[in-house]
Protein backbone atom coordinates (compact mmCIF):
# COMPACT_ATOMS: atom_id res chain seq x y z
CA MET A 1 0.06 0.06 0.06
CA TYR A 2 2.80 2.49 0.83
CA ASP A 3 4.22 1.93 -2.74
CA LYS A 4 1.15 2.53 -4.39
CA GLU A 5 0.23 5.54 -2.36
CA ARG A 6 3.70 6.97 -3.17
CA ASP A 7 3.41 6.41 -6.90
CA LEU A 8 -0.03 8.21 -6.91
CA ILE A 9 1.62 11.15 -5.17
CA ASP A 10 4.42 11.29 -7.59
CA ALA A 11 1.90 11.17 -10.62
CA LEU A 12 -0.07 14.28 -9.18
CA ALA A 13 3.13 16.14 -8.36
CA ARG A 14 4.35 15.52 -11.78
CA ARG A 15 1.08 16.63 -13.19
CA GLN A 16 0.40 13.11 -15.06
CA ILE A 17 -2.90 13.03 -13.42
CA GLY A 18 -5.42 15.64 -12.22
CA ARG A 19 -7.26 15.89 -9.15
CA ARG A 20 -10.21 13.84 -9.93
CA GLU A 21 -8.17 11.08 -11.33
CA PHE A 22 -6.16 11.25 -8.24
CA MET A 23 -9.39 11.08 -6.19
CA ARG A 24 -10.70 8.07 -8.10
CA ARG A 25 -7.56 6.13 -7.65
CA ALA A 26 -7.14 6.97 -3.94
CA GLY A 27 -10.68 5.63 -3.31
CA GLN A 28 -9.59 2.46 -5.01
CA LEU A 29 -7.00 2.07 -2.45
CA GLY A 30 -9.73 2.25 0.17
CA LEU A 31 -8.50 5.86 1.46
CA GLY A 32 -10.91 8.16 3.37
CA ALA A 33 -11.28 11.84 2.65
CA ALA A 34 -8.96 13.05 5.43
CA ALA A 35 -6.42 10.71 4.11
CA MET A 36 -6.90 11.81 0.48
CA THR A 37 -6.38 15.40 1.64
CA GLY A 38 -3.15 14.37 3.25
CA LEU A 39 -1.66 12.91 0.27
CA MET A 40 -2.81 15.74 -2.08
CA GLY A 41 -0.90 17.98 0.46
CA GLN A 42 2.24 15.83 0.13
CA ALA A 43 1.86 15.90 -3.53
CA MET A 44 1.81 19.73 -3.55
CA ASN A 45 5.09 19.88 -1.61
CA ARG A 46 6.70 17.56 -3.94
CA SER A 47 5.59 19.78 -6.74
CA LEU A 48 6.69 22.84 -4.86
CA ALA A 49 10.34 21.03 -4.05
CA GLN A 50 10.74 19.43 -7.50
CA ASP A 51 9.88 22.23 -9.84
CA SER A 52 11.93 25.11 -8.30
CA GLY A 53 15.14 23.62 -6.91
CA PHE A 54 14.69 26.06 -3.86
CA ASP A 55 15.69 25.30 -0.58
CA TRP A 56 12.60 25.44 1.32
CA LYS A 57 14.47 23.87 4.33
CA ALA A 58 16.62 26.96 4.75
CA HIS A 59 14.89 28.17 8.17
CA GLN A 60 14.28 24.63 9.32
CA GLY A 61 13.28 24.64 13.00
CA THR A 62 11.99 28.33 12.98
CA THR A 63 8.74 29.01 14.51
CA LEU A 64 6.30 31.68 13.18
CA LYS A 65 3.57 33.24 14.62
CA LEU A 66 0.52 34.58 12.55
CA LEU A 67 -2.44 37.09 13.32
CA LEU A 68 -5.64 35.98 11.45
CA ASN A 69 -9.07 36.80 11.03
CA LYS A 70 -11.91 34.12 11.44
CA HIS A 71 -12.61 33.74 7.71
CA PRO A 72 -13.04 30.55 5.15
CA TYR A 73 -9.62 31.83 3.83
CA ALA A 74 -8.07 31.26 7.09
CA ASP A 75 -9.72 27.97 7.55
CA ALA A 76 -8.35 26.89 4.16
CA MET A 77 -4.72 28.05 5.13
CA ILE A 78 -5.02 25.99 8.50
CA ALA A 79 -6.25 22.93 6.84
CA ASP A 80 -3.19 22.94 4.78
CA ILE A 81 -0.49 24.21 7.15
CA GLU A 82 0.75 20.60 7.94
CA ALA A 83 1.90 21.01 4.38
CA PHE A 84 4.06 24.20 5.13
CA LYS A 85 5.57 22.57 8.06
CA GLU A 86 6.56 19.36 6.05
CA LEU A 87 7.66 21.35 3.19
CA THR A 88 10.01 23.81 5.34
CA GLY A 89 10.61 22.00 8.70
CA MET A 90 9.06 25.25 10.16
CA ASP A 91 6.39 25.46 12.88
CA VAL A 92 3.38 27.89 12.60
CA THR A 93 1.17 28.95 15.59
CA TYR A 94 -1.50 31.66 15.12
CA ASP A 95 -4.30 33.53 16.95
CA VAL A 96 -7.55 33.82 15.20
CA PHE A 97 -10.13 36.64 16.22
CA PRO A 98 -13.64 37.59 14.91
CA GLU A 99 -13.85 40.40 12.44
CA ASP A 100 -15.52 42.86 14.78
CA VAL A 101 -12.25 42.95 16.86
CA TYR A 102 -9.86 41.79 14.19
CA PHE A 103 -8.63 44.80 13.00
CA ASP A 104 -8.34 46.40 16.47
CA LYS A 105 -6.05 43.70 17.50
CA VAL A 106 -3.88 44.35 14.19
CA THR A 107 -3.87 47.83 15.00
CA ALA A 108 -2.68 47.58 18.85
CA ALA A 109 0.03 45.02 17.81
CA LEU A 110 1.47 47.15 15.04
CA SER A 111 1.20 50.46 16.71
CA SER A 112 2.92 49.11 19.62
CA GLY A 113 5.78 47.91 17.81
CA SER A 114 5.20 44.35 18.95
CA SER A 115 7.31 41.44 17.58
CA GLU A 116 4.73 38.86 18.74
CA TYR A 117 3.36 38.39 15.09
CA ASP A 118 5.23 37.74 12.13
CA ALA A 119 2.51 37.87 9.35
CA LEU A 120 -0.80 39.04 9.17
CA MET A 121 -4.02 39.22 7.33
CA THR A 122 -5.15 42.67 5.82
CA GLY A 123 -7.37 44.52 3.80
CA ALA A 124 -5.79 46.75 0.86
CA TYR A 125 -7.48 49.86 2.53
CA GLN A 126 -5.81 49.06 6.18
CA THR A 127 -2.39 49.17 4.34
CA TRP A 128 -2.65 52.77 3.43
CA THR A 129 -2.35 53.58 7.26
CA TYR A 130 -0.11 50.58 8.31
CA GLY A 131 2.36 51.02 5.28
CA PRO A 132 3.23 54.55 5.50
CA ALA A 133 3.39 54.30 9.25
CA GLY A 134 6.49 51.96 8.99
CA TRP A 135 4.51 48.90 10.30
CA LEU A 136 4.53 46.98 7.29
CA VAL A 137 7.51 45.46 5.02
CA ASP A 138 7.77 46.70 1.47
CA LEU A 139 7.81 43.00 0.12
CA ASN A 140 9.29 44.25 -3.25
CA GLU A 141 12.70 43.68 -1.95
CA TYR A 142 11.85 39.99 -1.44
CA ILE A 143 9.82 39.46 -4.64
CA GLN A 144 12.98 40.92 -6.59
CA ASP A 145 15.38 38.79 -4.96
CA GLU A 146 15.86 35.71 -6.89
CA ALA A 147 18.04 34.15 -4.00
CA LYS A 148 14.99 34.27 -1.62
CA THR A 149 12.13 33.54 -3.87
CA ALA A 150 11.28 30.16 -5.56
CA GLY A 151 11.12 30.31 -9.20
CA THR A 152 7.79 28.45 -9.54
CA TRP A 153 5.99 31.18 -7.18
CA ASP A 154 5.16 33.31 -10.40
CA TRP A 155 4.09 36.79 -8.86
CA ASP A 156 2.86 37.55 -12.70
CA ASP A 157 0.35 34.81 -12.40
CA VAL A 158 -1.36 36.99 -9.59
CA LEU A 159 -4.10 39.08 -11.55
CA PRO A 160 -2.49 42.43 -12.44
CA ASN A 161 -5.48 44.69 -10.88
CA LEU A 162 -5.09 43.06 -7.65
CA ARG A 163 -1.20 43.46 -7.71
CA ALA A 164 -1.47 47.04 -8.29
CA SER A 165 -4.47 47.30 -5.74
CA THR A 166 -2.15 46.31 -2.98
CA SER A 167 0.66 48.63 -3.66
CA TRP A 168 1.05 52.15 -2.92
CA SER A 169 3.77 54.89 -2.96
CA GLY A 170 2.29 56.40 0.36
CA VAL A 171 1.82 59.71 -1.37
CA PRO A 172 -1.75 60.73 -0.95
CA GLY A 173 -3.75 60.88 -4.41
CA GLU A 174 -1.03 59.00 -6.24
CA ALA A 175 -2.46 56.12 -8.13
CA LEU A 176 -2.15 52.37 -6.98
CA GLY A 177 0.52 50.44 -8.45
CA GLY A 178 2.12 53.60 -9.85
CA GLU A 179 5.93 54.73 -10.06
CA GLY A 180 7.59 54.29 -6.73
CA ALA A 181 4.68 52.02 -5.13
CA LYS A 182 5.45 49.82 -2.28
CA GLN A 183 3.97 46.22 -2.18
CA TRP A 184 2.61 46.34 1.37
CA ALA A 185 0.61 43.09 0.89
CA LEU A 186 0.36 39.86 -1.31
CA PRO A 187 -3.07 39.24 -2.55
CA TRP A 188 -4.45 36.16 -1.14
CA ALA A 189 -8.22 35.96 -2.09
CA PHE A 190 -10.76 38.61 -2.95
CA GLU A 191 -14.11 39.72 -3.86
CA LEU A 192 -15.74 41.78 -6.37
CA ASN A 193 -19.30 42.99 -6.56
CA SER A 194 -21.95 42.03 -8.97
CA ILE A 195 -25.49 40.63 -8.85
CA SER A 196 -26.60 37.77 -6.91
CA TYR A 197 -29.95 36.75 -7.35
CA ASN A 198 -32.79 34.05 -6.31
CA ARG A 199 -33.34 32.12 -9.50
CA ARG A 200 -36.28 30.60 -7.93
CA ILE A 201 -37.90 33.98 -7.58
CA PHE A 202 -36.94 35.39 -10.62
CA ASP A 203 -38.48 32.29 -12.42
CA GLU A 204 -41.74 32.27 -10.49
CA MET A 205 -42.07 36.21 -11.18
CA LYS A 206 -40.79 35.72 -14.89
CA LEU A 207 -38.11 38.09 -14.33
CA THR A 208 -34.49 38.55 -15.92
CA PRO A 209 -31.44 39.78 -14.13
CA PRO A 210 -31.17 43.44 -14.57
CA LYS A 211 -28.30 44.72 -16.87
CA ASP A 212 -28.08 48.40 -15.39
CA LEU A 213 -29.05 50.84 -12.72
CA ALA A 214 -32.34 51.53 -14.54
CA GLU A 215 -33.50 47.89 -14.84
CA LEU A 216 -32.24 47.37 -11.21
CA MET A 217 -34.65 49.84 -9.86
CA GLU A 218 -37.26 48.50 -12.09
CA THR A 219 -36.94 44.79 -11.32
CA ALA A 220 -36.25 45.53 -7.58
CA ALA A 221 -39.48 47.68 -7.17
CA LYS A 222 -41.51 44.85 -9.10
CA ILE A 223 -40.18 42.20 -6.48
CA SER A 224 -41.09 44.53 -3.57
CA LYS A 225 -44.75 45.19 -4.90
CA ASP A 226 -45.42 41.55 -6.19
CA GLY A 227 -43.23 39.53 -4.11
CA ASP A 228 -45.74 38.64 -1.28
CA GLY A 229 -43.28 40.00 1.62
CA LEU A 230 -40.17 40.12 -0.18
CA TYR A 231 -38.15 43.31 -0.57
CA GLY A 232 -36.45 43.84 -3.84
CA VAL A 233 -32.43 44.15 -3.46
CA GLY A 234 -30.17 44.16 -0.65
CA VAL A 235 -27.30 46.64 -0.21
CA ARG A 236 -25.59 47.56 3.02
CA GLY A 237 -26.41 50.58 4.97
CA SER A 238 -24.68 50.75 8.20
CA ARG A 239 -22.86 54.02 9.16
CA SER A 240 -19.50 52.38 8.29
CA TRP A 241 -16.80 52.48 5.47
CA ALA A 242 -17.92 49.04 4.44
CA THR A 243 -21.34 50.52 3.31
CA ILE A 244 -19.60 52.59 0.55
CA HIS A 245 -17.06 50.25 -0.89
CA PRO A 246 -19.16 47.18 -2.21
CA GLY A 247 -22.35 47.81 -4.82
CA PHE A 248 -22.32 51.47 -4.14
CA LEU A 249 -18.87 52.53 -5.06
CA SER A 250 -19.00 49.91 -8.10
CA GLY A 251 -22.04 51.76 -9.64
CA TYR A 252 -20.67 54.99 -8.82
CA ALA A 253 -17.47 54.44 -10.54
CA ASN A 254 -19.37 53.10 -13.57
CA PHE A 255 -20.72 56.45 -14.33
CA GLY A 256 -17.31 58.07 -14.31
CA ALA A 257 -18.02 59.51 -10.57
CA LYS A 258 -14.81 59.72 -8.35
CA ASP A 259 -14.21 60.36 -4.63
CA PHE A 260 -11.51 63.07 -5.07
CA ASN A 261 -9.96 65.09 -7.80
CA VAL A 262 -6.24 65.37 -7.53
CA ASP A 263 -4.37 68.35 -8.62
CA GLY A 264 -1.10 68.98 -7.53
CA GLY A 265 -0.83 66.71 -4.67
CA MET A 266 -4.08 68.47 -3.37
CA LEU A 267 -7.30 66.52 -2.71
CA LYS A 268 -10.56 67.96 -3.40
CA ALA A 269 -13.73 65.97 -2.56
CA ALA A 270 -15.69 65.07 -5.60
CA MET A 271 -18.96 63.66 -4.08
CA ASN A 272 -21.05 66.44 -5.36
CA SER A 273 -20.17 66.37 -9.11
CA PRO A 274 -23.06 65.87 -11.66
CA GLU A 275 -22.40 62.31 -11.96
CA ALA A 276 -22.18 61.46 -8.36
CA LYS A 277 -25.74 63.48 -7.91
CA THR A 278 -27.32 61.69 -10.65
CA PHE A 279 -26.19 58.14 -9.54
CA THR A 280 -26.75 59.01 -5.58
CA THR A 281 -30.35 60.39 -6.37
CA ASP A 282 -31.26 56.81 -8.03
CA TRP A 283 -29.21 54.92 -5.36
CA VAL A 284 -31.18 56.70 -2.75
CA LYS A 285 -34.65 56.21 -4.46
CA MET A 286 -34.03 52.46 -5.05
CA ILE A 287 -33.23 51.91 -1.31
CA GLN A 288 -36.42 53.92 -0.20
CA ASP A 289 -38.67 51.82 -2.73
CA SER A 290 -36.90 48.41 -2.47
CA GLY A 291 -34.55 47.94 -0.05
CA PRO A 292 -35.00 46.39 3.51
CA LYS A 293 -37.12 48.28 6.19
CA ASN A 294 -34.00 48.40 8.41
CA TRP A 295 -31.47 49.43 5.72
CA SER A 296 -29.35 51.42 7.94
CA THR A 297 -28.25 48.68 10.18
CA TYR A 298 -27.43 46.36 7.13
CA THR A 299 -23.85 44.85 6.97
CA TRP A 300 -22.42 42.25 5.09
CA TYR A 301 -24.18 39.53 7.25
CA GLN A 302 -27.49 40.82 6.98
CA VAL A 303 -27.64 41.40 3.21
CA GLY A 304 -26.07 37.89 2.67
CA ASN A 305 -28.50 36.34 5.24
CA ASP A 306 -31.58 37.79 3.79
CA LEU A 307 -30.70 36.56 0.43
CA GLY A 308 -29.97 32.94 1.73
CA ALA A 309 -33.41 32.99 3.90
CA GLY A 310 -35.63 34.00 0.44
CA ALA A 311 -36.40 37.35 2.12
CA SER A 312 -34.68 39.43 -0.69
CA GLY A 313 -34.78 39.22 -4.44
CA MET A 314 -31.15 39.86 -5.16
CA ILE A 315 -28.09 41.83 -3.66
CA PHE A 316 -25.75 44.20 -5.29
CA ASP A 317 -22.66 43.06 -3.34
CA ALA A 318 -19.68 40.71 -3.40
CA ASP A 319 -20.08 37.96 -5.38
CA ILE A 320 -18.60 35.61 -3.07
CA LEU A 321 -21.25 36.70 -0.75
CA GLY A 322 -23.97 35.04 -2.97
CA TYR A 323 -21.62 32.03 -3.29
CA PHE A 324 -21.59 31.45 0.52
CA GLN A 325 -25.49 31.48 0.58
CA ASN A 326 -25.79 29.39 -2.48
CA ASN A 327 -23.22 26.62 -1.00
CA GLY A 328 -23.95 27.07 2.86
CA ASP A 329 -26.67 25.83 4.83
CA THR A 330 -29.34 28.09 3.90
CA LYS A 331 -33.03 27.85 2.62
CA GLU A 332 -32.06 28.84 -0.83
CA LYS A 333 -29.17 26.72 -1.23
CA GLY A 334 -28.65 25.80 -4.85
CA ASN A 335 -31.22 28.48 -6.03
CA ILE A 336 -28.59 31.54 -6.55
CA GLY A 337 -27.52 32.89 -9.80
CA PHE A 338 -25.04 35.43 -10.59
CA HIS A 339 -24.87 38.38 -13.02
CA ALA A 340 -22.17 40.71 -14.28
CA PHE A 341 -23.45 44.21 -13.60
CA ALA A 342 -22.58 47.44 -15.07
CA ALA A 343 -24.81 50.33 -13.62
CA ASN A 344 -24.36 52.69 -16.71
CA PRO A 345 -25.80 51.53 -19.96
CA ASP A 346 -23.13 53.29 -21.90
CA ALA A 347 -20.26 51.79 -19.92
CA LYS A 348 -18.05 49.50 -21.71
CA GLN A 349 -17.76 46.80 -19.04
CA PRO A 350 -18.82 46.48 -15.21
CA THR A 351 -16.25 48.32 -12.88
CA PRO A 352 -16.47 46.40 -9.62
CA ASN A 353 -14.67 47.76 -6.82
CA VAL A 354 -12.71 45.23 -4.96
CA TRP A 355 -12.00 43.94 -1.39
CA ILE A 356 -8.80 41.84 -1.15
CA TRP A 357 -7.68 39.87 1.76
CA SER A 358 -4.08 39.93 1.49
CA LEU A 359 -1.14 38.69 3.66
CA ALA A 360 1.64 41.34 5.06
CA MET A 361 4.74 41.17 6.82
CA SER A 362 5.41 42.93 10.22
CA ASN A 363 8.03 45.28 9.98
CA PHE A 364 8.74 44.17 13.80
CA SER A 365 9.36 40.64 13.05
CA GLY A 366 12.78 39.05 14.02
CA LYS A 367 12.36 36.42 11.54
CA LYS A 368 11.38 38.24 8.17
CA ASP A 369 13.36 35.74 5.73
CA ALA A 370 11.50 32.90 7.39
CA THR A 371 8.06 34.73 7.31
CA TRP A 372 8.92 35.38 3.41
CA TYR A 373 9.17 31.72 2.84
CA PHE A 374 5.59 31.15 4.55
CA LEU A 375 4.25 34.18 2.39
CA GLN A 376 5.06 32.44 -0.76
CA TRP A 377 3.97 29.11 0.25
CA ALA A 378 0.41 30.67 1.48
CA THR A 379 0.29 32.74 -2.02
CA SER A 380 1.74 30.05 -4.10
CA LYS A 381 -0.16 28.26 -6.79
CA GLU A 382 -0.25 24.98 -5.07
CA HIS A 383 -1.81 26.34 -1.91
CA ASP A 384 -4.33 28.49 -4.05
CA ARG A 385 -5.41 25.41 -5.84
CA PHE A 386 -6.04 23.72 -2.60
CA GLY A 387 -7.80 26.37 -1.00
CA ALA A 388 -10.03 27.05 -4.28
CA VAL A 389 -10.76 23.34 -5.30
CA GLU A 390 -10.97 21.67 -1.79
CA MET A 391 -12.14 24.32 0.46
CA ASP A 392 -13.97 27.81 0.39
CA MET A 393 -10.90 30.07 -1.00
CA VAL A 394 -13.14 31.81 -3.68
CA ASN A 395 -12.17 34.17 -5.37
CA PRO A 396 -8.85 32.96 -6.05
CA VAL A 397 -6.02 35.54 -7.03
CA ARG A 398 -4.10 33.56 -9.55
CA GLN A 399 -5.38 33.34 -13.36
CA SER A 400 -3.73 29.83 -13.27
CA ILE A 401 -6.69 28.65 -10.86
CA TRP A 402 -9.38 30.24 -12.91
CA ASP A 403 -8.12 28.44 -15.95
CA ASP A 404 -7.95 25.18 -13.77
CA GLU A 405 -10.36 22.54 -15.07
CA ASP A 406 -11.15 21.28 -11.54
CA PHE A 407 -12.00 24.75 -10.20
CA LYS A 408 -14.24 25.71 -13.37
CA LYS A 409 -16.11 22.19 -12.75
CA ARG A 410 -16.47 22.90 -9.27
CA MET A 411 -17.85 26.32 -9.79
CA GLU A 412 -20.13 25.22 -12.49
CA GLN A 413 -22.78 24.29 -9.74
CA ASN A 414 -23.02 28.05 -9.15
CA GLU A 415 -25.07 29.12 -12.17
CA GLY A 416 -23.36 32.09 -14.02
CA TYR A 417 -20.62 32.46 -11.47
CA LEU A 418 -17.77 32.04 -13.91
CA LYS A 419 -19.51 34.07 -16.67
CA GLN A 420 -19.86 37.00 -14.29
CA PHE A 421 -16.39 36.70 -13.21
CA GLU A 422 -14.92 36.64 -16.68
CA ALA A 423 -17.05 39.73 -17.69
CA SER A 424 -16.34 41.56 -14.37
CA ALA A 425 -12.57 40.87 -13.71
CA PRO A 426 -10.91 43.30 -16.50
CA GLY A 427 -12.45 46.30 -14.57
CA ALA A 428 -12.05 44.80 -11.00
CA LYS A 429 -9.88 46.79 -9.12
CA ILE A 430 -9.92 49.52 -6.20
CA TYR A 431 -11.41 52.76 -7.29
CA PHE A 432 -11.06 54.80 -4.15
CA THR A 433 -8.19 57.26 -4.16
CA PRO A 434 -5.60 56.25 -1.81
CA GLN A 435 -5.35 58.56 1.00
CA PRO A 436 -4.66 58.72 4.95
CA LEU A 437 -8.35 59.52 6.06
CA PHE A 438 -9.92 56.93 4.06
CA PHE A 439 -11.83 55.52 6.88
CA ASP A 440 -12.91 59.06 8.29
CA VAL A 441 -14.12 60.02 4.69
CA THR A 442 -15.89 56.90 3.84
CA THR A 443 -17.92 56.81 7.39
CA ALA A 444 -18.85 60.23 6.96
CA TRP A 445 -20.12 59.47 3.30
CA ALA A 446 -22.00 56.33 4.91
CA ALA A 447 -23.74 58.53 7.48
CA MET A 448 -24.84 61.20 4.93
CA LEU A 449 -26.27 58.34 2.78
CA GLN A 450 -28.27 57.14 5.78
CA ARG A 451 -29.77 60.99 6.25
CA MET A 452 -30.42 61.07 2.39
CA VAL A 453 -32.26 57.70 2.70
CA ALA A 454 -34.14 58.86 5.71
CA GLY A 455 -35.50 61.93 3.99
CA GLU A 456 -33.37 64.24 6.48
CA VAL A 457 -31.58 66.20 3.54
CA PRO A 458 -32.25 66.26 -0.16
CA VAL A 459 -29.57 64.69 -2.04
CA ASP A 460 -27.99 67.65 -3.80
CA GLU A 461 -27.76 69.49 -0.74
CA GLY A 462 -26.50 66.37 1.63
CA LEU A 463 -23.53 65.96 -1.09
CA ASP A 464 -22.70 69.53 -1.01
CA GLN A 465 -22.39 69.38 2.72
CA LEU A 466 -20.41 66.14 2.43
CA VAL A 467 -17.98 67.87 0.26
CA ALA A 468 -17.65 70.94 2.25
CA SER A 469 -17.09 68.73 5.40
CA ILE A 470 -14.57 66.69 3.98
CA ASP A 471 -12.46 69.36 2.08
CA ASP A 472 -12.40 70.75 5.61
CA GLN A 473 -10.80 67.44 6.99
CA MET A 474 -8.39 67.34 4.16
CA SER A 475 -7.38 71.11 4.88
CA GLN A 476 -6.58 70.36 8.49
CA ALA A 477 -4.53 67.40 7.58
CA GLY A 478 -2.77 69.35 5.15
CA LEU A 479 -4.04 67.59 2.11
CA GLN A 480 -5.46 71.02 0.35
């Protein structure tokens, strides 16, 4: 049995057989699911070791500590961590915190200069604070060092918009990924924003997925009117930056609206431009006519849970939010469809803003070279494939995984998912202007959106007030 298992591992590592054939043969050997997963980990390790000629054992005996958010992406990494230990001879420990306290833990650790954690999960927006403050390592120095980077790691395989969206010079207003940009983090997995809709409800009501904002408003209104207690469309509404970045900014950018105009390094708020006012007026009306009753309390969780419970007809939010509802333990499991969405009927393509869970290295780590080995492994093709095919590490950041036949077959059970991704990915990136007051600005923006939806202030007047307030903040910060 040992020789047959070894031969099977070698065949997968050499890519002589695919995952499905591997699983079939492993089943014939009488191996259970846990044993199969373990064998696949060994095969991936052999693939890394054989292909690169890289000394993965250079830091054998070192122990690293990670700071992680409780998330399916972290679950996938933890499920595969023994593969890293076997490959490198290193040990890994980690602390995992729920998201409602996670970023407070990160800020506390980094701002204090603590060397407790070597690597951590972060969003790209947070690096606009952490990076320029000197808390993170610019990973370009490692990416460009052939002696420390495995030849098969293949940085160029990571989707280019994601590489750019996780790098910034630190100069307010300068483009992400532009000249002098520092790579503050490595993209790990991400979400873009599109329409996830309940196919059962749409079939019963003889509806088709909306193609633009006007159709979205019309379809949502019909669901709210004729849907027997349903509401039309779920979008976020809490007083938080997280209300602005998903569907709202994706549609806003599709009409050419910007958060700031940048002139000579000075940032001027642009939320009251003609394009911004027109889009925001429609967005507010859509929520008033067809959103949930308690919209101002809605976060990721409420938006997703309503879709999964059959309480809403659709959402304009993260594609993976619909994915989790379609594949989790929900009432509407298997009923969710996916559709690319360009709010502007005259736009050439969708412009989804993205959220990128990324991995970064603490500048206070005393084991930076060893940590780089971990970051390479955790963002490698091998681990990305494991996470995307065996776990719920969706969306993967590497083009090679999107091209992988096993991944495609797995995603085919989510009707329209691959098609919406292919249509959305070329325009998927961060559309915010990078600047140090990001969280203050977007929270104020969300607060004004709440006031406009509540009818406390007209849209045009509210946006003028918002711009005046933000310009004042920029001036006090020396950015005007």
